[in-house]
Structures are given as C-alpha cells and as structure tokens.
C-alpha cells in the first residue's frame, strides 16, 4: 500500500494536474470572499465536489506553485492550513480535519503533504518542508496532540567536517494507522499499515504492519493486531481484518 502512495506523491511533486475531471478553483465555486481563506501571490485552492466548513478556518495558500486540493466530502473544523512556495497539500475524500495545523513549505524545493480518504485527524501538527513528502494513508486516525515534522528550520553540523546531519526526510504513514494522544513522529519515519502507537510514543524508525508499539522511543509490544473506532471486532473495516 505504501508504494502506491509514494507513486502518487511523486506525481504530485512534479505537477498536480489542473485538468483532472471534477476539479474547480475555489474562486469559481465561491465568488464571494470567505473569511479566513486566502489565495495570495498566485496561490491556488482547488475543490472536487462539496466540502464542509465548521467555524472560521485559517487557510493561507501563498505563492506561485502553492496549491491546496480539497476532495469531495472533506470536513474542516477550524483548521490552520499554510501552503507556501512550491508546495502542495492534498486532502482526500471524506477526510475529517479537526482543529489541526497543516503546513507545507516549498521555498527551496517542492514539498508535498497528502492525506488519504476517510482519515480522522484531531488537533496537532503535520508539517513538511524542504523537498520532502509527508504522506498519511487512507482511514488513518490521529488522537489529540499528534505531531510530526519532516524537517527543521535550523541546522545541526559536525564541527570538523561542517556536514549537516539533520537533513529533512520523508515521513510515510500507511493505511488504517492509529496514533494515540501526543505521539511524535520524527523525520524519516515509516509507519506501515495497521500500526497502533500508544500515547506519547516517539517514532523514529520503520514500524512493522499490524503491530502495537509504545514507549520513548517506541518498541514493539504485540504483533498481529487490528483496531477499530468501535468496541467490537465487526467494526474493524473488512479490508483491514
């Protein structure tokens, strides 16, 4: 599953196709200025179908190459979304974003943040920058306080060689992943499908599919697990059982 997301991200990095069927510009769909939503200096917001906005959002898409794509049924509850420079943010069908901060910065290199369909992401931060991808697979859920960044605003260098050793790296999160409260995901992490990470876990590596992890840094607690938003096994989506 992760490879398909990487391929899709690669396509979006090169160019997100404007002519894809059903997409329309925000300014065409909403000729009246909407408070809290700004397209500045060539930034573009694209819609496919209808979306739901609850409360006043804080959305800034700024600069040529900055694009935000909102798919059919996306639900935005007071989000903070910033897309600047040569960067794209794509939010998939029926995804729910609750008071979450999404950032994509492409001042030097193209950056892409992609959220799959039917995700549930509560407040926290997802940030990609400096030519990286941050990809979140379908039907993934984040509890409150989950944070992740693919790069930093500062550099850390070896005093002798002057080599930087905190270069930005992609973050890849698979399908139907559950991240508990206050989990932190470091740059370069890969979280495979079906993973569960317990509260306040620190992720800095590759996590195996359908395993439960916890701790700082996280360690594997149990294998061959699945999870659901409900309390019985039948509430686990059939494709992930």
Foldseek 3Di string as FASTA:
>chain_A
DLVVQVVVVVVVQVPDDCPPPQKDWPCVVPVDDAPQADEEAQFTEIERADEAEADRAHYYQYHNLGYEYYYHHEYEYRAHEYTYDNEYEYEEANEYEAHAYEEEEQNPGYEYEYAYHPEAEYYAYDYEYDHEYEYAEAHEYEDHQEYEYQADPDFDADPPPRDTDGDGAYEAHYYQEYEYHNEYEYHPEHEYAQEYEYHNEYTDYYHDHQFYWYDDPIDTDGHNHHDAPDDDPVRGPPVGD
